[in-house]
Amino acid sequence: MTTVRSTEPTTPTPGTGFMEEGRFVVASTSHLTRADNNVLTSLAEVPRHAPVLISATGFGFVVGLHGLDPIVDTDAVRTSLREHGLSESFLSLWADLGARGFSLLQLDCDGAPLPGFPTFAW
């Protein structure tokens, strides 16, 4: 029997036994402005209002990035996040990490700052 391994992402079909897989990145919550923190907290409390997964962890947040998912209109999601009040700094971080193929961003108070992205002391 020959086993074939693909490095191409597969689209899981419900009920087929395929697991969804993705990449995540951990970053410091210092990449958030105080206003970003407040918006993410609000969206995490009422998930149906959020255009992506946003979950409070007690130490920060987990935010969906969608990575290389071709069916997600990232421009529309970015516009929605902007309309909710997230800063351009956060939106740039979100878009850049998603474009790098990450599917989740964990913003953690103990996470390291990512080079090339602004940080905020509040």
PDB file of N, CA and C in Angstrom:
ATOM      1  N   MET A   1       0.853  -1.168   0.000  1.00  0.00           N
ATOM      2  CA  MET A   1       0.000   0.000   0.000  1.00  0.00           C
ATOM      3  C   MET A   1       0.899   1.231   0.000  1.00  0.00           C
ATOM      4  N   THR A   2       0.575   2.202  -0.850  1.00  0.00           N
ATOM      5  CA  THR A   2       1.323   3.438  -0.944  1.00  0.00           C
ATOM      6  C   THR A   2       0.547   4.542  -0.242  1.00  0.00           C
ATOM      7  N   THR A   3       1.250   5.305   0.584  1.00  0.00           N
ATOM      8  CA  THR A   3       0.631   6.434   1.260  1.00  0.00           C
ATOM      9  C   THR A   3       1.055   7.705   0.550  1.00  0.00           C
ATOM     10  N   VAL A   4       0.094   8.509   0.185  1.00  0.00           N
ATOM     11  CA  VAL A   4       0.372   9.773  -0.477  1.00  0.00           C
ATOM     12  C   VAL A   4       0.069  10.893   0.501  1.00  0.00           C
ATOM     13  N   ARG A   5       1.051  11.763   0.687  1.00  0.00           N
ATOM     14  CA  ARG A   5       0.856  12.916   1.575  1.00  0.00           C
ATOM     15  C   ARG A   5       0.854  14.174   0.731  1.00  0.00           C
ATOM     16  N   SER A   6      -0.112  14.993   0.939  1.00  0.00           N
ATOM     17  CA  SER A   6      -0.204  16.239   0.195  1.00  0.00           C
ATOM     18  C   SER A   6       0.162  17.396   1.100  1.00  0.00           C
ATOM     19  N   THR A   7       0.898  18.350   0.553  1.00  0.00           N
ATOM     20  CA  THR A   7       1.181  19.566   1.305  1.00  0.00           C
ATOM     21  C   THR A   7       0.166  20.647   0.979  1.00  0.00           C
ATOM     22  N   GLU A   8      -0.733  20.342   0.060  1.00  0.00           N
ATOM     23  CA  GLU A   8      -1.776  21.301  -0.313  1.00  0.00           C
ATOM     24  C   GLU A   8      -2.876  21.261   0.744  1.00  0.00           C
ATOM     25  N   PRO A   9      -3.408  22.450   1.096  1.00  0.00           N
ATOM     26  CA  PRO A   9      -4.523  22.445   2.050  1.00  0.00           C
ATOM     27  C   PRO A   9      -5.728  21.745   1.456  1.00  0.00           C
ATOM     28  N   THR A  10      -6.445  21.046   2.294  1.00  0.00           N
ATOM     29  CA  THR A  10      -7.658  20.365   1.840  1.00  0.00           C
ATOM     30  C   THR A  10      -8.866  21.068   2.428  1.00  0.00           C
ATOM     31  N   THR A  11      -9.920  21.056   1.710  1.00  0.00           N
ATOM     32  CA  THR A  11     -11.161  21.635   2.201  1.00  0.00           C
ATOM     33  C   THR A  11     -11.959  20.539   2.870  1.00  0.00           C
ATOM     34  N   PRO A  12     -12.153  20.654   4.185  1.00  0.00           N
ATOM     35  CA  PRO A  12     -12.897  19.605   4.878  1.00  0.00           C
ATOM     36  C   PRO A  12     -14.365  19.623   4.472  1.00  0.00           C
ATOM     37  N   THR A  13     -14.911  18.448   4.331  1.00  0.00           N
ATOM     38  CA  THR A  13     -16.327  18.295   4.030  1.00  0.00           C
ATOM     39  C   THR A  13     -16.990  17.706   5.262  1.00  0.00           C
ATOM     40  N   PRO A  14     -18.032  18.372   5.777  1.00  0.00           N
ATOM     41  CA  PRO A  14     -18.684  17.854   6.983  1.00  0.00           C
ATOM     42  C   PRO A  14     -19.057  16.379   6.824  1.00  0.00           C
ATOM     43  N   GLY A  15     -18.771  15.609   7.849  1.00  0.00           N
ATOM     44  CA  GLY A  15     -19.141  14.205   7.869  1.00  0.00           C
ATOM     45  C   GLY A  15     -18.163  13.281   7.170  1.00  0.00           C
ATOM     46  N   THR A  16     -17.050  13.815   6.631  1.00  0.00           N
ATOM     47  CA  THR A  16     -16.103  12.964   5.913  1.00  0.00           C
ATOM     48  C   THR A  16     -14.955  12.491   6.778  1.00  0.00           C
ATOM     49  N   GLY A  17     -14.845  13.017   7.979  1.00  0.00           N
ATOM     50  CA  GLY A  17     -13.761  12.603   8.854  1.00  0.00           C
ATOM     51  C   GLY A  17     -12.513  13.439   8.712  1.00  0.00           C
ATOM     52  N   PHE A  18     -12.507  14.412   7.812  1.00  0.00           N
ATOM     53  CA  PHE A  18     -11.350  15.291   7.682  1.00  0.00           C
ATOM     54  C   PHE A  18     -11.318  16.266   8.836  1.00  0.00           C
ATOM     55  N   MET A  19     -10.136  16.518   9.361  1.00  0.00           N
ATOM     56  CA  MET A  19      -9.976  17.514  10.412  1.00  0.00           C
ATOM     57  C   MET A  19      -9.545  18.827   9.773  1.00  0.00           C
ATOM     58  N   GLU A  20     -10.077  19.921  10.283  1.00  0.00           N
ATOM     59  CA  GLU A  20      -9.596  21.221   9.848  1.00  0.00           C
ATOM     60  C   GLU A  20      -8.288  21.494  10.571  1.00  0.00           C
ATOM     61  N   GLU A  21      -7.316  21.969   9.844  1.00  0.00           N
ATOM     62  CA  GLU A  21      -6.015  22.271  10.423  1.00  0.00           C
ATOM     63  C   GLU A  21      -5.647  23.693  10.071  1.00  0.00           C
ATOM     64  N   GLY A  22      -4.768  24.271  10.854  1.00  0.00           N
ATOM     65  CA  GLY A  22      -4.323  25.621  10.564  1.00  0.00           C
ATOM     66  C   GLY A  22      -3.071  25.946  11.336  1.00  0.00           C
ATOM     67  N   ARG A  23      -2.563  27.133  11.084  1.00  0.00           N
ATOM     68  CA  ARG A  23      -1.378  27.633  11.784  1.00  0.00           C
ATOM     69  C   ARG A  23      -1.807  28.795  12.667  1.00  0.00           C
ATOM     70  N   PHE A  24      -1.160  28.918  13.823  1.00  0.00           N
ATOM     71  CA  PHE A  24      -1.460  30.041  14.688  1.00  0.00           C
ATOM     72  C   PHE A  24      -0.170  30.755  15.052  1.00  0.00           C
ATOM     73  N   VAL A  25      -0.319  32.001  15.477  1.00  0.00           N
ATOM     74  CA  VAL A  25       0.815  32.800  15.913  1.00  0.00           C
ATOM     75  C   VAL A  25       0.442  33.444  17.244  1.00  0.00           C
ATOM     76  N   VAL A  26       1.412  33.525  18.138  1.00  0.00           N
ATOM     77  CA  VAL A  26       1.208  34.153  19.442  1.00  0.00           C
ATOM     78  C   VAL A  26       1.944  35.490  19.435  1.00  0.00           C
ATOM     79  N   ALA A  27       1.259  36.522  19.877  1.00  0.00           N
ATOM     80  CA  ALA A  27       1.844  37.857  19.923  1.00  0.00           C
ATOM     81  C   ALA A  27       1.426  38.557  21.210  1.00  0.00           C
ATOM     82  N   SER A  28       2.159  39.580  21.551  1.00  0.00           N
ATOM     83  CA  SER A  28       1.886  40.358  22.748  1.00  0.00           C
ATOM     84  C   SER A  28       0.607  41.177  22.609  1.00  0.00           C
ATOM     85  N   THR A  29      -0.108  41.309  23.724  1.00  0.00           N
ATOM     86  CA  THR A  29      -1.265  42.205  23.737  1.00  0.00           C
ATOM     87  C   THR A  29      -0.830  43.663  23.625  1.00  0.00           C
ATOM     88  N   SER A  30       0.466  43.926  23.695  1.00  0.00           N
ATOM     89  CA  SER A  30       0.935  45.310  23.532  1.00  0.00           C
ATOM     90  C   SER A  30       0.701  45.817  22.113  1.00  0.00           C
ATOM     91  N   HIS A  31       0.345  44.927  21.195  1.00  0.00           N
ATOM     92  CA  HIS A  31      -0.010  45.359  19.843  1.00  0.00           C
ATOM     93  C   HIS A  31      -1.409  45.969  19.786  1.00  0.00           C
ATOM     94  N   LEU A  32      -2.130  45.890  20.903  1.00  0.00           N
ATOM     95  CA  LEU A  32      -3.484  46.456  20.973  1.00  0.00           C
ATOM     96  C   LEU A  32      -3.450  47.836  21.598  1.00  0.00           C
ATOM     97  N   THR A  33      -4.262  48.723  21.047  1.00  0.00           N
ATOM     98  CA  THR A  33      -4.514  49.978  21.745  1.00  0.00           C
ATOM     99  C   THR A  33      -5.541  49.692  22.832  1.00  0.00           C
ATOM    100  N   ARG A  34      -5.716  50.623  23.740  1.00  0.00           N
ATOM    101  CA  ARG A  34      -6.739  50.450  24.777  1.00  0.00           C
ATOM    102  C   ARG A  34      -8.114  50.295  24.113  1.00  0.00           C
ATOM    103  N   ALA A  35      -8.353  51.088  23.067  1.00  0.00           N
ATOM    104  CA  ALA A  35      -9.642  51.004  22.366  1.00  0.00           C
ATOM    105  C   ALA A  35      -9.813  49.635  21.700  1.00  0.00           C
ATOM    106  N   ASP A  36      -8.733  49.086  21.096  1.00  0.00           N
ATOM    107  CA  ASP A  36      -8.801  47.743  20.505  1.00  0.00           C
ATOM    108  C   ASP A  36      -9.187  46.718  21.562  1.00  0.00           C
ATOM    109  N   ASN A  37      -8.568  46.813  22.726  1.00  0.00           N
ATOM    110  CA  ASN A  37      -8.866  45.888  23.817  1.00  0.00           C
ATOM    111  C   ASN A  37     -10.348  45.957  24.177  1.00  0.00           C
ATOM    112  N   ASN A  38     -10.884  47.167  24.257  1.00  0.00           N
ATOM    113  CA  ASN A  38     -12.297  47.331  24.606  1.00  0.00           C
ATOM    114  C   ASN A  38     -13.215  46.757  23.523  1.00  0.00           C
ATOM    115  N   VAL A  39     -12.867  46.992  22.253  1.00  0.00           N
ATOM    116  CA  VAL A  39     -13.690  46.474  21.151  1.00  0.00           C
ATOM    117  C   VAL A  39     -13.643  44.950  21.134  1.00  0.00           C
ATOM    118  N   LEU A  40     -12.456  44.366  21.258  1.00  0.00           N
ATOM    119  CA  LEU A  40     -12.337  42.905  21.252  1.00  0.00           C
ATOM    120  C   LEU A  40     -13.090  42.296  22.429  1.00  0.00           C
ATOM    121  N   THR A  41     -13.024  42.930  23.590  1.00  0.00           N
ATOM    122  CA  THR A  41     -13.771  42.445  24.754  1.00  0.00           C
ATOM    123  C   THR A  41     -15.264  42.445  24.455  1.00  0.00           C
ATOM    124  N   SER A  42     -15.742  43.528  23.885  1.00  0.00           N
ATOM    125  CA  SER A  42     -17.168  43.640  23.550  1.00  0.00           C
ATOM    126  C   SER A  42     -17.583  42.582  22.527  1.00  0.00           C
ATOM    127  N   LEU A  43     -16.773  42.397  21.484  1.00  0.00           N
ATOM    128  CA  LEU A  43     -17.109  41.402  20.455  1.00  0.00           C
ATOM    129  C   LEU A  43     -17.032  39.974  21.001  1.00  0.00           C
ATOM    130  N   ALA A  44     -16.114  39.726  21.910  1.00  0.00           N
ATOM    131  CA  ALA A  44     -16.005  38.390  22.504  1.00  0.00           C
ATOM    132  C   ALA A  44     -17.216  38.074  23.375  1.00  0.00           C
ATOM    133  N   GLU A  45     -17.814  39.104  23.962  1.00  0.00           N
ATOM    134  CA  GLU A  45     -18.981  38.900  24.824  1.00  0.00           C
ATOM    135  C   GLU A  45     -20.251  38.612  24.033  1.00  0.00           C
ATOM    136  N   VAL A  46     -20.308  39.079  22.782  1.00  0.00           N
ATOM    137  CA  VAL A  46     -21.472  38.844  21.922  1.00  0.00           C
ATOM    138  C   VAL A  46     -20.949  38.327  20.584  1.00  0.00           C
ATOM    139  N   PRO A  47     -20.558  37.054  20.532  1.00  0.00           N
ATOM    140  CA  PRO A  47     -19.871  36.516  19.356  1.00  0.00           C
ATOM    141  C   PRO A  47     -20.618  36.672  18.038  1.00  0.00           C
ATOM    142  N   ARG A  48     -21.925  36.693  18.071  1.00  0.00           N
ATOM    143  CA  ARG A  48     -22.670  36.788  16.807  1.00  0.00           C
ATOM    144  C   ARG A  48     -22.463  38.133  16.127  1.00  0.00           C
ATOM    145  N   HIS A  49     -21.962  39.136  16.850  1.00  0.00           N
ATOM    146  CA  HIS A  49     -21.691  40.441  16.262  1.00  0.00           C
ATOM    147  C   HIS A  49     -20.313  40.508  15.610  1.00  0.00           C
ATOM    148  N   ALA A  50     -19.475  39.552  15.877  1.00  0.00           N
ATOM    149  CA  ALA A  50     -18.104  39.571  15.364  1.00  0.00           C
ATOM    150  C   ALA A  50     -18.037  38.940  13.975  1.00  0.00           C
ATOM    151  N   PRO A  51     -17.292  39.564  13.058  1.00  0.00           N
ATOM    152  CA  PRO A  51     -17.176  38.994  11.717  1.00  0.00           C
ATOM    153  C   PRO A  51     -16.193  37.824  11.634  1.00  0.00           C
ATOM    154  N   VAL A  52     -15.410  37.618  12.679  1.00  0.00           N
ATOM    155  CA  VAL A  52     -14.476  36.490  12.764  1.00  0.00           C
ATOM    156  C   VAL A  52     -14.529  35.951  14.191  1.00  0.00           C
ATOM    157  N   LEU A  53     -13.921  34.807  14.401  1.00  0.00           N
ATOM    158  CA  LEU A  53     -13.810  34.265  15.755  1.00  0.00           C
ATOM    159  C   LEU A  53     -13.047  35.258  16.621  1.00  0.00           C
ATOM    160  N   ILE A  54     -13.642  35.659  17.716  1.00  0.00           N
ATOM    161  CA  ILE A  54     -12.959  36.475  18.722  1.00  0.00           C
ATOM    162  C   ILE A  54     -13.351  35.899  20.071  1.00  0.00           C
ATOM    163  N   SER A  55     -12.351  35.440  20.801  1.00  0.00           N
ATOM    164  CA  SER A  55     -12.608  34.817  22.091  1.00  0.00           C
ATOM    165  C   SER A  55     -11.652  35.398  23.130  1.00  0.00           C
ATOM    166  N   ALA A  56     -12.192  35.806  24.267  1.00  0.00           N
ATOM    167  CA  ALA A  56     -11.362  36.276  25.367  1.00  0.00           C
ATOM    168  C   ALA A  56     -10.805  35.059  26.103  1.00  0.00           C
ATOM    169  N   THR A  57      -9.541  35.136  26.486  1.00  0.00           N
ATOM    170  CA  THR A  57      -8.904  33.999  27.148  1.00  0.00           C
ATOM    171  C   THR A  57      -8.622  34.236  28.627  1.00  0.00           C
ATOM    172  N   GLY A  58      -8.795  35.434  29.095  1.00  0.00           N
ATOM    173  CA  GLY A  58      -8.392  35.768  30.460  1.00  0.00           C
ATOM    174  C   GLY A  58      -7.001  36.381  30.478  1.00  0.00           C
ATOM    175  N   PHE A  59      -6.221  36.130  29.441  1.00  0.00           N
ATOM    176  CA  PHE A  59      -4.866  36.667  29.312  1.00  0.00           C
ATOM    177  C   PHE A  59      -4.716  37.462  28.023  1.00  0.00           C
ATOM    178  N   GLY A  60      -5.805  37.555  27.269  1.00  0.00           N
ATOM    179  CA  GLY A  60      -5.793  38.226  25.982  1.00  0.00           C
ATOM    180  C   GLY A  60      -6.949  37.731  25.137  1.00  0.00           C
ATOM    181  N   PHE A  61      -6.665  37.473  23.864  1.00  0.00           N
ATOM    182  CA  PHE A  61      -7.715  37.087  22.929  1.00  0.00           C
ATOM    183  C   PHE A  61      -7.188  36.091  21.910  1.00  0.00           C
ATOM    184  N   VAL A  62      -8.105  35.323  21.347  1.00  0.00           N
ATOM    185  CA  VAL A  62      -7.835  34.532  20.152  1.00  0.00           C
ATOM    186  C   VAL A  62      -8.700  35.145  19.060  1.00  0.00           C
ATOM    187  N   VAL A  63      -8.063  35.446  17.923  1.00  0.00           N
ATOM    188  CA  VAL A  63      -8.760  36.110  16.820  1.00  0.00           C
ATOM    189  C   VAL A  63      -8.552  35.298  15.547  1.00  0.00           C
ATOM    190  N   GLY A  64      -9.629  35.017  14.840  1.00  0.00           N
ATOM    191  CA  GLY A  64      -9.543  34.298  13.581  1.00  0.00           C
ATOM    192  C   GLY A  64      -8.928  35.167  12.492  1.00  0.00           C
ATOM    193  N   LEU A  65      -8.056  34.561  11.692  1.00  0.00           N
ATOM    194  CA  LEU A  65      -7.383  35.272  10.604  1.00  0.00           C
ATOM    195  C   LEU A  65      -7.786  34.755   9.236  1.00  0.00           C
ATOM    196  N   HIS A  66      -8.230  33.551   9.146  1.00  0.00           N
ATOM    197  CA  HIS A  66      -8.654  32.894   7.902  1.00  0.00           C
ATOM    198  C   HIS A  66      -7.514  32.483   6.988  1.00  0.00           C
ATOM    199  N   GLY A  67      -6.291  32.841   7.310  1.00  0.00           N
ATOM    200  CA  GLY A  67      -5.147  32.366   6.532  1.00  0.00           C
ATOM    201  C   GLY A  67      -5.350  32.419   5.043  1.00  0.00           C
ATOM    202  N   LEU A  68      -5.187  31.292   4.413  1.00  0.00           N
ATOM    203  CA  LEU A  68      -5.277  31.219   2.963  1.00  0.00           C
ATOM    204  C   LEU A  68      -6.643  30.750   2.479  1.00  0.00           C
ATOM    205  N   ASP A  69      -7.657  30.857   3.297  1.00  0.00           N
ATOM    206  CA  ASP A  69      -8.986  30.387   2.928  1.00  0.00           C
ATOM    207  C   ASP A  69      -9.525  31.198   1.744  1.00  0.00           C
ATOM    208  N   PRO A  70      -9.636  30.573   0.587  1.00  0.00           N
ATOM    209  CA  PRO A  70     -10.028  31.322  -0.616  1.00  0.00           C
ATOM    210  C   PRO A  70     -11.488  31.756  -0.642  1.00  0.00           C
ATOM    211  N   ILE A  71     -12.316  31.197   0.231  1.00  0.00           N
ATOM    212  CA  ILE A  71     -13.728  31.568   0.179  1.00  0.00           C
ATOM    213  C   ILE A  71     -14.072  32.739   1.088  1.00  0.00           C
ATOM    214  N   VAL A  72     -13.107  33.227   1.859  1.00  0.00           N
ATOM    215  CA  VAL A  72     -13.361  34.339   2.772  1.00  0.00           C
ATOM    216  C   VAL A  72     -12.988  35.648   2.083  1.00  0.00           C
ATOM    217  N   ASP A  73     -13.921  36.582   2.069  1.00  0.00           N
ATOM    218  CA  ASP A  73     -13.675  37.915   1.526  1.00  0.00           C
ATOM    219  C   ASP A  73     -13.004  38.743   2.619  1.00  0.00           C
ATOM    220  N   THR A  74     -11.668  38.709   2.653  1.00  0.00           N
ATOM    221  CA  THR A  74     -10.941  39.374   3.728  1.00  0.00           C
ATOM    222  C   THR A  74     -11.127  40.887   3.704  1.00  0.00           C
ATOM    223  N   ASP A  75     -11.354  41.464   2.533  1.00  0.00           N
ATOM    224  CA  ASP A  75     -11.608  42.911   2.476  1.00  0.00           C
ATOM    225  C   ASP A  75     -12.909  43.256   3.199  1.00  0.00           C
ATOM    226  N   ALA A  76     -13.930  42.442   3.004  1.00  0.00           N
ATOM    227  CA  ALA A  76     -15.212  42.676   3.678  1.00  0.00           C
ATOM    228  C   ALA A  76     -15.078  42.488   5.182  1.00  0.00           C
ATOM    229  N   VAL A  77     -14.316  41.461   5.597  1.00  0.00           N
ATOM    230  CA  VAL A  77     -14.114  41.226   7.030  1.00  0.00           C
ATOM    231  C   VAL A  77     -13.351  42.400   7.635  1.00  0.00           C
ATOM    232  N   ARG A  78     -12.305  42.856   6.929  1.00  0.00           N
ATOM    233  CA  ARG A  78     -11.513  43.986   7.427  1.00  0.00           C
ATOM    234  C   ARG A  78     -12.395  45.235   7.569  1.00  0.00           C
ATOM    235  N   THR A  79     -13.250  45.475   6.597  1.00  0.00           N
ATOM    236  CA  THR A  79     -14.164  46.620   6.662  1.00  0.00           C
ATOM    237  C   THR A  79     -15.079  46.497   7.872  1.00  0.00           C
ATOM    238  N   SER A  80     -15.598  45.309   8.111  1.00  0.00           N
ATOM    239  CA  SER A  80     -16.467  45.091   9.266  1.00  0.00           C
ATOM    240  C   SER A  80     -15.722  45.327  10.578  1.00  0.00           C
ATOM    241  N   LEU A  81     -14.489  44.817  10.662  1.00  0.00           N
ATOM    242  CA  LEU A  81     -13.689  45.035  11.876  1.00  0.00           C
ATOM    243  C   LEU A  81     -13.440  46.531  12.084  1.00  0.00           C
ATOM    244  N   ARG A  82     -13.166  47.245  11.001  1.00  0.00           N
ATOM    245  CA  ARG A  82     -12.963  48.695  11.085  1.00  0.00           C
ATOM    246  C   ARG A  82     -14.238  49.382  11.579  1.00  0.00           C
ATOM    247  N   GLU A  83     -15.379  48.962  11.054  1.00  0.00           N
ATOM    248  CA  GLU A  83     -16.653  49.555  11.459  1.00  0.00           C
ATOM    249  C   GLU A  83     -16.965  49.303  12.931  1.00  0.00           C
ATOM    250  N   HIS A  84     -16.440  48.208  13.471  1.00  0.00           N
ATOM    251  CA  HIS A  84     -16.625  47.924  14.900  1.00  0.00           C
ATOM    252  C   HIS A  84     -15.713  48.798  15.754  1.00  0.00           C
ATOM    253  N   GLY A  85     -14.725  49.460  15.131  1.00  0.00           N
ATOM    254  CA  GLY A  85     -13.879  50.398  15.870  1.00  0.00           C
ATOM    255  C   GLY A  85     -12.451  49.956  16.091  1.00  0.00           C
ATOM    256  N   LEU A  86     -12.033  48.865  15.460  1.00  0.00           N
ATOM    257  CA  LEU A  86     -10.638  48.429  15.636  1.00  0.00           C
ATOM    258  C   LEU A  86      -9.703  49.362  14.866  1.00  0.00           C
ATOM    259  N   SER A  87      -8.524  49.586  15.422  1.00  0.00           N
ATOM    260  CA  SER A  87      -7.569  50.545  14.876  1.00  0.00           C
ATOM    261  C   SER A  87      -6.936  50.040  13.579  1.00  0.00           C
ATOM    262  N   GLU A  88      -6.423  50.981  12.804  1.00  0.00           N
ATOM    263  CA  GLU A  88      -5.707  50.619  11.577  1.00  0.00           C
ATOM    264  C   GLU A  88      -4.475  49.780  11.910  1.00  0.00           C
ATOM    265  N   SER A  89      -3.866  50.042  13.053  1.00  0.00           N
ATOM    266  CA  SER A  89      -2.713  49.253  13.487  1.00  0.00           C
ATOM    267  C   SER A  89      -3.093  47.788  13.672  1.00  0.00           C
ATOM    268  N   PHE A  90      -4.213  47.551  14.365  1.00  0.00           N
ATOM    269  CA  PHE A  90      -4.680  46.180  14.560  1.00  0.00           C
ATOM    270  C   PHE A  90      -5.065  45.549  13.228  1.00  0.00           C
ATOM    271  N   LEU A  91      -5.767  46.305  12.383  1.00  0.00           N
ATOM    272  CA  LEU A  91      -6.209  45.774  11.090  1.00  0.00           C
ATOM    273  C   LEU A  91      -5.018  45.384  10.216  1.00  0.00           C
ATOM    274  N   SER A  92      -3.948  46.148  10.280  1.00  0.00           N
ATOM    275  CA  SER A  92      -2.735  45.806   9.522  1.00  0.00           C
ATOM    276  C   SER A  92      -2.112  44.522  10.049  1.00  0.00           C
ATOM    277  N   LEU A  93      -2.051  44.385  11.367  1.00  0.00           N
ATOM    278  CA  LEU A  93      -1.538  43.152  11.978  1.00  0.00           C
ATOM    279  C   LEU A  93      -2.392  41.968  11.545  1.00  0.00           C
ATOM    280  N   TRP A  94      -3.715  42.115  11.650  1.00  0.00           N
ATOM    281  CA  TRP A  94      -4.658  41.055  11.278  1.00  0.00           C
ATOM    282  C   TRP A  94      -4.477  40.645   9.817  1.00  0.00           C
ATOM    283  N   ALA A  95      -4.434  41.620   8.931  1.00  0.00           N
ATOM    284  CA  ALA A  95      -4.329  41.326   7.494  1.00  0.00           C
ATOM    285  C   ALA A  95      -2.974  40.728   7.139  1.00  0.00           C
ATOM    286  N   ASP A  96      -1.904  41.261   7.709  1.00  0.00           N
ATOM    287  CA  ASP A  96      -0.563  40.776   7.381  1.00  0.00           C
ATOM    288  C   ASP A  96      -0.371  39.333   7.835  1.00  0.00           C
ATOM    289  N   LEU A  97      -0.782  39.018   9.038  1.00  0.00           N
ATOM    290  CA  LEU A  97      -0.615  37.645   9.538  1.00  0.00           C
ATOM    291  C   LEU A  97      -1.505  36.676   8.778  1.00  0.00           C
ATOM    292  N   GLY A  98      -2.709  37.100   8.415  1.00  0.00           N
ATOM    293  CA  GLY A  98      -3.576  36.257   7.598  1.00  0.00           C
ATOM    294  C   GLY A  98      -2.959  35.993   6.235  1.00  0.00           C
ATOM    295  N   ALA A  99      -2.362  37.032   5.638  1.00  0.00           N
ATOM    296  CA  ALA A  99      -1.715  36.878   4.326  1.00  0.00           C
ATOM    297  C   ALA A  99      -0.509  35.951   4.392  1.00  0.00           C
ATOM    298  N   ARG A 100       0.080  35.817   5.573  1.00  0.00           N
ATOM    299  CA  ARG A 100       1.218  34.896   5.758  1.00  0.00           C
ATOM    300  C   ARG A 100       0.757  33.449   5.958  1.00  0.00           C
ATOM    301  N   GLY A 101      -0.558  33.229   5.944  1.00  0.00           N
ATOM    302  CA  GLY A 101      -1.082  31.879   6.035  1.00  0.00           C
ATOM    303  C   GLY A 101      -1.494  31.428   7.420  1.00  0.00           C
ATOM    304  N   PHE A 102      -1.463  32.330   8.396  1.00  0.00           N
ATOM    305  CA  PHE A 102      -1.916  31.965   9.738  1.00  0.00           C
ATOM    306  C   PHE A 102      -3.431  31.984   9.789  1.00  0.00           C
ATOM    307  N   SER A 103      -4.014  31.067  10.545  1.00  0.00           N
ATOM    308  CA  SER A 103      -5.465  31.032  10.669  1.00  0.00           C
ATOM    309  C   SER A 103      -5.956  31.576  12.007  1.00  0.00           C
ATOM    310  N   LEU A 104      -5.073  31.647  12.996  1.00  0.00           N
ATOM    311  CA  LEU A 104      -5.446  32.187  14.306  1.00  0.00           C
ATOM    312  C   LEU A 104      -4.326  33.055  14.864  1.00  0.00           C
ATOM    313  N   LEU A 105      -4.724  34.120  15.528  1.00  0.00           N
ATOM    314  CA  LEU A 105      -3.804  34.993  16.259  1.00  0.00           C
ATOM    315  C   LEU A 105      -4.163  34.914  17.726  1.00  0.00           C
ATOM    316  N   GLN A 106      -3.207  34.508  18.544  1.00  0.00           N
ATOM    317  CA  GLN A 106      -3.412  34.529  19.989  1.00  0.00           C
ATOM    318  C   GLN A 106      -2.671  35.737  20.533  1.00  0.00           C
ATOM    319  N   LEU A 107      -3.419  36.700  21.017  1.00  0.00           N
ATOM    320  CA  LEU A 107      -2.844  37.873  21.665  1.00  0.00           C
ATOM    321  C   LEU A 107      -2.788  37.568  23.147  1.00  0.00           C
ATOM    322  N   ASP A 108      -1.573  37.504  23.684  1.00  0.00           N
ATOM    323  CA  ASP A 108      -1.371  37.042  25.055  1.00  0.00           C
ATOM    324  C   ASP A 108      -0.544  38.072  25.819  1.00  0.00           C
ATOM    325  N   CYS A 109      -0.906  38.319  27.071  1.00  0.00           N
ATOM    326  CA  CYS A 109      -0.171  39.301  27.868  1.00  0.00           C
ATOM    327  C   CYS A 109       1.285  38.887  28.077  1.00  0.00           C
ATOM    328  N   ASP A 110       1.594  37.607  27.963  1.00  0.00           N
ATOM    329  CA  ASP A 110       2.970  37.123  28.085  1.00  0.00           C
ATOM    330  C   ASP A 110       3.621  36.854  26.733  1.00  0.00           C
ATOM    331  N   GLY A 111       2.905  37.134  25.653  1.00  0.00           N
ATOM    332  CA  GLY A 111       3.442  36.907  24.315  1.00  0.00           C
ATOM    333  C   GLY A 111       4.501  37.939  23.973  1.00  0.00           C
ATOM    334  N   ALA A 112       5.352  37.575  23.053  1.00  0.00           N
ATOM    335  CA  ALA A 112       6.413  38.485  22.603  1.00  0.00           C
ATOM    336  C   ALA A 112       5.865  39.452  21.555  1.00  0.00           C
ATOM    337  N   PRO A 113       6.359  40.687  21.567  1.00  0.00           N
ATOM    338  CA  PRO A 113       5.985  41.612  20.496  1.00  0.00           C
ATOM    339  C   PRO A 113       6.547  41.102  19.164  1.00  0.00           C
ATOM    340  N   LEU A 114       5.778  41.255  18.109  1.00  0.00           N
ATOM    341  CA  LEU A 114       6.223  40.833  16.791  1.00  0.00           C
ATOM    342  C   LEU A 114       6.990  41.979  16.136  1.00  0.00           C
ATOM    343  N   PRO A 115       8.169  41.696  15.603  1.00  0.00           N
ATOM    344  CA  PRO A 115       8.955  42.748  14.959  1.00  0.00           C
ATOM    345  C   PRO A 115       8.193  43.359  13.782  1.00  0.00           C
ATOM    346  N   GLY A 116       8.323  44.659  13.645  1.00  0.00           N
ATOM    347  CA  GLY A 116       7.719  45.347  12.516  1.00  0.00           C
ATOM    348  C   GLY A 116       6.305  45.844  12.753  1.00  0.00           C
ATOM    349  N   PHE A 117       5.745  45.573  13.919  1.00  0.00           N
ATOM    350  CA  PHE A 117       4.399  46.028  14.239  1.00  0.00           C
ATOM    351  C   PHE A 117       4.448  46.936  15.462  1.00  0.00           C
ATOM    352  N   PRO A 118       3.662  48.013  15.458  1.00  0.00           N
ATOM    353  CA  PRO A 118       3.693  48.937  16.593  1.00  0.00           C
ATOM    354  C   PRO A 118       3.164  48.296  17.873  1.00  0.00           C
ATOM    355  N   THR A 119       3.654  48.802  18.986  1.00  0.00           N
ATOM    356  CA  THR A 119       3.164  48.389  20.301  1.00  0.00           C
ATOM    357  C   THR A 119       2.696  49.643  21.047  1.00  0.00           C
ATOM    358  N   PHE A 120       1.865  49.428  22.050  1.00  0.00           N
ATOM    359  CA  PHE A 120       1.260  50.534  22.782  1.00  0.00           C
ATOM    360  C   PHE A 120       1.352  50.255  24.283  1.00  0.00           C
ATOM    361  N   ALA A 121       1.761  51.257  25.035  1.00  0.00           N
ATOM    362  CA  ALA A 121       1.814  51.145  26.498  1.00  0.00           C
ATOM    363  C   ALA A 121       0.613  51.893  27.066  1.00  0.00           C
ATOM    364  N   TRP A 122      -0.241  51.162  27.740  1.00  0.00           N
ATOM    365  CA  TRP A 122      -1.407  51.787  28.364  1.00  0.00           C
ATOM    366  C   TRP A 122      -1.653  51.057  29.639  1.00  0.00           C
TER     367      TRP A 122
END
